[in-house]
Amino acid sequence: MDFNAIYHFLFESFAGIGVLVLAILLISILACVIMEWKTRRTFKDRGPAEDDDDFMFFDDDEDDK
């Protein structure tokens, strides 16, 4: 298989574009998992926040007062 056939399959056919989209999706998921794992390993000694003044999206109790 030569380069022209690979190029034609990947960029000029529906199946090839699907392969590219799937490959990009898998690579991005893998990158996110690796970054999350490194972040959790770096900040493992941090506990929950002590102040309750943080903004919460679904906290509607304060709006009713």
PDB file of N, CA and C in Angstrom:
ATOM      1  N   MET A   1       0.851  -1.173   0.000  1.00  0.00           N
ATOM      2  CA  MET A   1       0.000   0.000   0.000  1.00  0.00           C
ATOM      3  C   MET A   1       0.897   1.237   0.000  1.00  0.00           C
ATOM      4  N   ASP A   2       0.681   2.118  -0.916  1.00  0.00           N
ATOM      5  CA  ASP A   2       1.509   3.319  -1.000  1.00  0.00           C
ATOM      6  C   ASP A   2       0.859   4.490  -0.275  1.00  0.00           C
ATOM      7  N   PHE A   3       1.573   5.577  -0.216  1.00  0.00           N
ATOM      8  CA  PHE A   3       1.115   6.759   0.520  1.00  0.00           C
ATOM      9  C   PHE A   3      -0.161   7.331  -0.077  1.00  0.00           C
ATOM     10  N   ASN A   4      -0.286   7.320  -1.384  1.00  0.00           N
ATOM     11  CA  ASN A   4      -1.491   7.862  -2.023  1.00  0.00           C
ATOM     12  C   ASN A   4      -2.735   7.071  -1.641  1.00  0.00           C
ATOM     13  N   ALA A   5      -2.619   5.779  -1.526  1.00  0.00           N
ATOM     14  CA  ALA A   5      -3.769   4.966  -1.139  1.00  0.00           C
ATOM     15  C   ALA A   5      -4.166   5.241   0.314  1.00  0.00           C
ATOM     16  N   ILE A   6      -3.180   5.374   1.181  1.00  0.00           N
ATOM     17  CA  ILE A   6      -3.465   5.689   2.589  1.00  0.00           C
ATOM     18  C   ILE A   6      -4.111   7.069   2.705  1.00  0.00           C
ATOM     19  N   TYR A   7      -3.562   8.045   1.983  1.00  0.00           N
ATOM     20  CA  TYR A   7      -4.114   9.399   1.995  1.00  0.00           C
ATOM     21  C   TYR A   7      -5.548   9.400   1.476  1.00  0.00           C
ATOM     22  N   HIS A   8      -5.784   8.711   0.379  1.00  0.00           N
ATOM     23  CA  HIS A   8      -7.132   8.646  -0.187  1.00  0.00           C
ATOM     24  C   HIS A   8      -8.103   7.999   0.797  1.00  0.00           C
ATOM     25  N   PHE A   9      -7.683   6.927   1.459  1.00  0.00           N
ATOM     26  CA  PHE A   9      -8.565   6.271   2.425  1.00  0.00           C
ATOM     27  C   PHE A   9      -8.877   7.184   3.600  1.00  0.00           C
ATOM     28  N   LEU A  10      -7.854   7.834   4.174  1.00  0.00           N
ATOM     29  CA  LEU A  10      -8.068   8.623   5.388  1.00  0.00           C
ATOM     30  C   LEU A  10      -8.823   9.923   5.140  1.00  0.00           C
ATOM     31  N   PHE A  11      -8.552  10.604   4.043  1.00  0.00           N
ATOM     32  CA  PHE A  11      -9.098  11.945   3.854  1.00  0.00           C
ATOM     33  C   PHE A  11     -10.169  12.057   2.770  1.00  0.00           C
ATOM     34  N   GLU A  12     -10.391  11.021   2.000  1.00  0.00           N
ATOM     35  CA  GLU A  12     -11.345  11.134   0.913  1.00  0.00           C
ATOM     36  C   GLU A  12     -12.432  10.072   0.940  1.00  0.00           C
ATOM     37  N   SER A  13     -12.527   9.307   2.025  1.00  0.00           N
ATOM     38  CA  SER A  13     -13.606   8.322   2.143  1.00  0.00           C
ATOM     39  C   SER A  13     -14.274   8.477   3.509  1.00  0.00           C
ATOM     40  N   PHE A  14     -15.540   8.078   3.555  1.00  0.00           N
ATOM     41  CA  PHE A  14     -16.287   8.203   4.805  1.00  0.00           C
ATOM     42  C   PHE A  14     -15.703   7.318   5.897  1.00  0.00           C
ATOM     43  N   ALA A  15     -15.282   6.130   5.544  1.00  0.00           N
ATOM     44  CA  ALA A  15     -14.706   5.222   6.532  1.00  0.00           C
ATOM     45  C   ALA A  15     -13.386   5.771   7.077  1.00  0.00           C
ATOM     46  N   GLY A  16     -12.583   6.360   6.221  1.00  0.00           N
ATOM     47  CA  GLY A  16     -11.310   6.932   6.662  1.00  0.00           C
ATOM     48  C   GLY A  16     -11.505   8.117   7.585  1.00  0.00           C
ATOM     49  N   ILE A  17     -12.481   8.966   7.287  1.00  0.00           N
ATOM     50  CA  ILE A  17     -12.779  10.108   8.158  1.00  0.00           C
ATOM     51  C   ILE A  17     -13.289   9.610   9.503  1.00  0.00           C
ATOM     52  N   GLY A  18     -14.067   8.540   9.497  1.00  0.00           N
ATOM     53  CA  GLY A  18     -14.514   7.942  10.756  1.00  0.00           C
ATOM     54  C   GLY A  18     -13.349   7.410  11.563  1.00  0.00           C
ATOM     55  N   VAL A  19     -12.381   6.801  10.896  1.00  0.00           N
ATOM     56  CA  VAL A  19     -11.181   6.305  11.590  1.00  0.00           C
ATOM     57  C   VAL A  19     -10.415   7.467  12.203  1.00  0.00           C
ATOM     58  N   LEU A  20     -10.281   8.575  11.456  1.00  0.00           N
ATOM     59  CA  LEU A  20      -9.581   9.747  11.983  1.00  0.00           C
ATOM     60  C   LEU A  20     -10.296  10.332  13.196  1.00  0.00           C
ATOM     61  N   VAL A  21     -11.612  10.457  13.131  1.00  0.00           N
ATOM     62  CA  VAL A  21     -12.385  10.997  14.255  1.00  0.00           C
ATOM     63  C   VAL A  21     -12.258  10.091  15.472  1.00  0.00           C
ATOM     64  N   LEU A  22     -12.348   8.797  15.275  1.00  0.00           N
ATOM     65  CA  LEU A  22     -12.211   7.847  16.376  1.00  0.00           C
ATOM     66  C   LEU A  22     -10.810   7.897  16.983  1.00  0.00           C
ATOM     67  N   ALA A  23      -9.794   7.996  16.131  1.00  0.00           N
ATOM     68  CA  ALA A  23      -8.416   8.070  16.631  1.00  0.00           C
ATOM     69  C   ALA A  23      -8.194   9.344  17.434  1.00  0.00           C
ATOM     70  N   ILE A  24      -8.708  10.472  16.960  1.00  0.00           N
ATOM     71  CA  ILE A  24      -8.559  11.736  17.690  1.00  0.00           C
ATOM     72  C   ILE A  24      -9.306  11.673  19.013  1.00  0.00           C
ATOM     73  N   LEU A  25     -10.484  11.071  19.022  1.00  0.00           N
ATOM     74  CA  LEU A  25     -11.247  10.921  20.258  1.00  0.00           C
ATOM     75  C   LEU A  25     -10.497  10.062  21.275  1.00  0.00           C
ATOM     76  N   LEU A  26      -9.950   8.952  20.837  1.00  0.00           N
ATOM     77  CA  LEU A  26      -9.202   8.079  21.752  1.00  0.00           C
ATOM     78  C   LEU A  26      -7.935   8.744  22.265  1.00  0.00           C
ATOM     79  N   ILE A  27      -7.230   9.469  21.406  1.00  0.00           N
ATOM     80  CA  ILE A  27      -6.016  10.168  21.836  1.00  0.00           C
ATOM     81  C   ILE A  27      -6.349  11.246  22.852  1.00  0.00           C
ATOM     82  N   SER A  28      -7.433  11.992  22.651  1.00  0.00           N
ATOM     83  CA  SER A  28      -7.792  13.044  23.600  1.00  0.00           C
ATOM     84  C   SER A  28      -8.255  12.459  24.933  1.00  0.00           C
ATOM     85  N   ILE A  29      -8.984  11.343  24.907  1.00  0.00           N
ATOM     86  CA  ILE A  29      -9.390  10.702  26.160  1.00  0.00           C
ATOM     87  C   ILE A  29      -8.176  10.188  26.912  1.00  0.00           C
ATOM     88  N   LEU A  30      -7.239   9.589  26.206  1.00  0.00           N
ATOM     89  CA  LEU A  30      -6.012   9.111  26.831  1.00  0.00           C
ATOM     90  C   LEU A  30      -5.217  10.265  27.438  1.00  0.00           C
ATOM     91  N   ALA A  31      -5.121  11.389  26.730  1.00  0.00           N
ATOM     92  CA  ALA A  31      -4.407  12.555  27.256  1.00  0.00           C
ATOM     93  C   ALA A  31      -5.094  13.099  28.509  1.00  0.00           C
ATOM     94  N   CYS A  32      -6.431  13.143  28.512  1.00  0.00           N
ATOM     95  CA  CYS A  32      -7.168  13.621  29.684  1.00  0.00           C
ATOM     96  C   CYS A  32      -6.966  12.709  30.880  1.00  0.00           C
ATOM     97  N   VAL A  33      -6.975  11.408  30.669  1.00  0.00           N
ATOM     98  CA  VAL A  33      -6.768  10.464  31.771  1.00  0.00           C
ATOM     99  C   VAL A  33      -5.368  10.611  32.340  1.00  0.00           C
ATOM    100  N   ILE A  34      -4.380  10.755  31.481  1.00  0.00           N
ATOM    101  CA  ILE A  34      -3.000  10.916  31.960  1.00  0.00           C
ATOM    102  C   ILE A  34      -2.847  12.219  32.734  1.00  0.00           C
ATOM    103  N   MET A  35      -3.406  13.316  32.227  1.00  0.00           N
ATOM    104  CA  MET A  35      -3.301  14.596  32.933  1.00  0.00           C
ATOM    105  C   MET A  35      -4.032  14.564  34.265  1.00  0.00           C
ATOM    106  N   GLU A  36      -5.204  13.942  34.321  1.00  0.00           N
ATOM    107  CA  GLU A  36      -5.946  13.826  35.578  1.00  0.00           C
ATOM    108  C   GLU A  36      -5.172  12.984  36.578  1.00  0.00           C
ATOM    109  N   TRP A  37      -4.574  11.902  36.136  1.00  0.00           N
ATOM    110  CA  TRP A  37      -3.795  11.038  37.019  1.00  0.00           C
ATOM    111  C   TRP A  37      -2.598  11.790  37.590  1.00  0.00           C
ATOM    112  N   LYS A  38      -1.904  12.562  36.760  1.00  0.00           N
ATOM    113  CA  LYS A  38      -0.750  13.325  37.242  1.00  0.00           C
ATOM    114  C   LYS A  38      -1.182  14.425  38.199  1.00  0.00           C
ATOM    115  N   THR A  39      -2.317  15.054  37.942  1.00  0.00           N
ATOM    116  CA  THR A  39      -2.812  16.101  38.832  1.00  0.00           C
ATOM    117  C   THR A  39      -3.200  15.527  40.187  1.00  0.00           C
ATOM    118  N   ARG A  40      -3.887  14.412  40.203  1.00  0.00           N
ATOM    119  CA  ARG A  40      -4.259  13.785  41.475  1.00  0.00           C
ATOM    120  C   ARG A  40      -3.039  13.323  42.251  1.00  0.00           C
ATOM    121  N   ARG A  41      -2.013  12.858  41.560  1.00  0.00           N
ATOM    122  CA  ARG A  41      -0.788  12.431  42.216  1.00  0.00           C
ATOM    123  C   ARG A  41      -0.039  13.630  42.778  1.00  0.00           C
ATOM    124  N   THR A  42      -0.072  14.768  42.097  1.00  0.00           N
ATOM    125  CA  THR A  42       0.624  15.962  42.559  1.00  0.00           C
ATOM    126  C   THR A  42      -0.068  16.568  43.771  1.00  0.00           C
ATOM    127  N   PHE A  43      -1.389  16.651  43.762  1.00  0.00           N
ATOM    128  CA  PHE A  43      -2.141  17.320  44.821  1.00  0.00           C
ATOM    129  C   PHE A  43      -2.868  16.330  45.722  1.00  0.00           C
ATOM    130  N   LYS A  44      -2.272  15.203  46.046  1.00  0.00           N
ATOM    131  CA  LYS A  44      -2.939  14.187  46.856  1.00  0.00           C
ATOM    132  C   LYS A  44      -3.082  14.591  48.314  1.00  0.00           C
ATOM    133  N   ASP A  45      -2.283  15.532  48.806  1.00  0.00           N
ATOM    134  CA  ASP A  45      -2.331  15.913  50.213  1.00  0.00           C
ATOM    135  C   ASP A  45      -3.358  17.002  50.500  1.00  0.00           C
ATOM    136  N   ARG A  46      -4.069  17.491  49.506  1.00  0.00           N
ATOM    137  CA  ARG A  46      -5.039  18.560  49.725  1.00  0.00           C
ATOM    138  C   ARG A  46      -6.404  17.970  50.054  1.00  0.00           C
ATOM    139  N   GLY A  47      -7.009  18.497  51.100  1.00  0.00           N
ATOM    140  CA  GLY A  47      -8.330  18.040  51.512  1.00  0.00           C
ATOM    141  C   GLY A  47      -9.401  18.957  50.960  1.00  0.00           C
ATOM    142  N   PRO A  48     -10.622  18.791  51.440  1.00  0.00           N
ATOM    143  CA  PRO A  48     -11.703  19.676  50.986  1.00  0.00           C
ATOM    144  C   PRO A  48     -11.505  21.092  51.515  1.00  0.00           C
ATOM    145  N   ALA A  49     -12.102  22.056  50.826  1.00  0.00           N
ATOM    146  CA  ALA A  49     -11.987  23.464  51.222  1.00  0.00           C
ATOM    147  C   ALA A  49     -12.683  23.685  52.565  1.00  0.00           C
ATOM    148  N   GLU A  50     -12.105  24.555  53.380  1.00  0.00           N
ATOM    149  CA  GLU A  50     -12.668  24.808  54.711  1.00  0.00           C
ATOM    150  C   GLU A  50     -13.775  25.852  54.684  1.00  0.00           C
ATOM    151  N   ASP A  51     -13.712  26.826  53.794  1.00  0.00           N
ATOM    152  CA  ASP A  51     -14.753  27.854  53.766  1.00  0.00           C
ATOM    153  C   ASP A  51     -15.864  27.431  52.820  1.00  0.00           C
ATOM    154  N   ASP A  52     -17.079  27.730  53.244  1.00  0.00           N
ATOM    155  CA  ASP A  52     -18.256  27.355  52.473  1.00  0.00           C
ATOM    156  C   ASP A  52     -18.740  28.497  51.595  1.00  0.00           C
ATOM    157  N   ASP A  53     -17.892  29.479  51.310  1.00  0.00           N
ATOM    158  CA  ASP A  53     -18.284  30.628  50.513  1.00  0.00           C
ATOM    159  C   ASP A  53     -18.125  30.383  49.018  1.00  0.00           C
ATOM    160  N   ASP A  54     -17.796  29.178  48.627  1.00  0.00           N
ATOM    161  CA  ASP A  54     -17.597  28.869  47.219  1.00  0.00           C
ATOM    162  C   ASP A  54     -18.926  28.905  46.471  1.00  0.00           C
ATOM    163  N   PHE A  55     -18.876  29.306  45.222  1.00  0.00           N
ATOM    164  CA  PHE A  55     -20.062  29.367  44.368  1.00  0.00           C
ATOM    165  C   PHE A  55     -20.447  27.973  43.914  1.00  0.00           C
ATOM    166  N   MET A  56     -21.704  27.632  44.042  1.00  0.00           N
ATOM    167  CA  MET A  56     -22.207  26.338  43.591  1.00  0.00           C
ATOM    168  C   MET A  56     -23.288  26.605  42.540  1.00  0.00           C
ATOM    169  N   PHE A  57     -23.270  25.889  41.443  1.00  0.00           N
ATOM    170  CA  PHE A  57     -24.239  26.116  40.376  1.00  0.00           C
ATOM    171  C   PHE A  57     -25.665  25.746  40.794  1.00  0.00           C
ATOM    172  N   PHE A  58     -25.838  24.648  41.496  1.00  0.00           N
ATOM    173  CA  PHE A  58     -27.166  24.142  41.802  1.00  0.00           C
ATOM    174  C   PHE A  58     -27.591  24.419  43.231  1.00  0.00           C
ATOM    175  N   ASP A  59     -27.020  25.433  43.854  1.00  0.00           N
ATOM    176  CA  ASP A  59     -27.360  25.779  45.222  1.00  0.00           C
ATOM    177  C   ASP A  59     -28.379  26.916  45.187  1.00  0.00           C
ATOM    178  N   ASP A  60     -29.672  26.577  45.195  1.00  0.00           N
ATOM    179  CA  ASP A  60     -30.729  27.576  45.091  1.00  0.00           C
ATOM    180  C   ASP A  60     -31.299  27.985  46.444  1.00  0.00           C
ATOM    181  N   ASP A  61     -30.761  27.498  47.544  1.00  0.00           N
ATOM    182  CA  ASP A  61     -31.307  27.808  48.864  1.00  0.00           C
ATOM    183  C   ASP A  61     -31.154  29.280  49.216  1.00  0.00           C
ATOM    184  N   GLU A  62     -30.083  29.907  48.806  1.00  0.00           N
ATOM    185  CA  GLU A  62     -29.850  31.311  49.150  1.00  0.00           C
ATOM    186  C   GLU A  62     -30.723  32.263  48.342  1.00  0.00           C
ATOM    187  N   ASP A  63     -31.203  31.851  47.159  1.00  0.00           N
ATOM    188  CA  ASP A  63     -32.038  32.706  46.343  1.00  0.00           C
ATOM    189  C   ASP A  63     -33.426  32.904  46.937  1.00  0.00           C
ATOM    190  N   ASP A  64     -33.909  31.945  47.714  1.00  0.00           N
ATOM    191  CA  ASP A  64     -35.246  32.016  48.273  1.00  0.00           C
ATOM    192  C   ASP A  64     -35.343  32.958  49.468  1.00  0.00           C
ATOM    193  N   LYS A  65     -34.242  33.308  50.061  1.00  0.00           N
ATOM    194  CA  LYS A  65     -34.281  34.159  51.278  1.00  0.00           C
ATOM    195  C   LYS A  65     -34.537  35.589  50.984  1.00  0.00           C
TER     196      LYS A  65
END
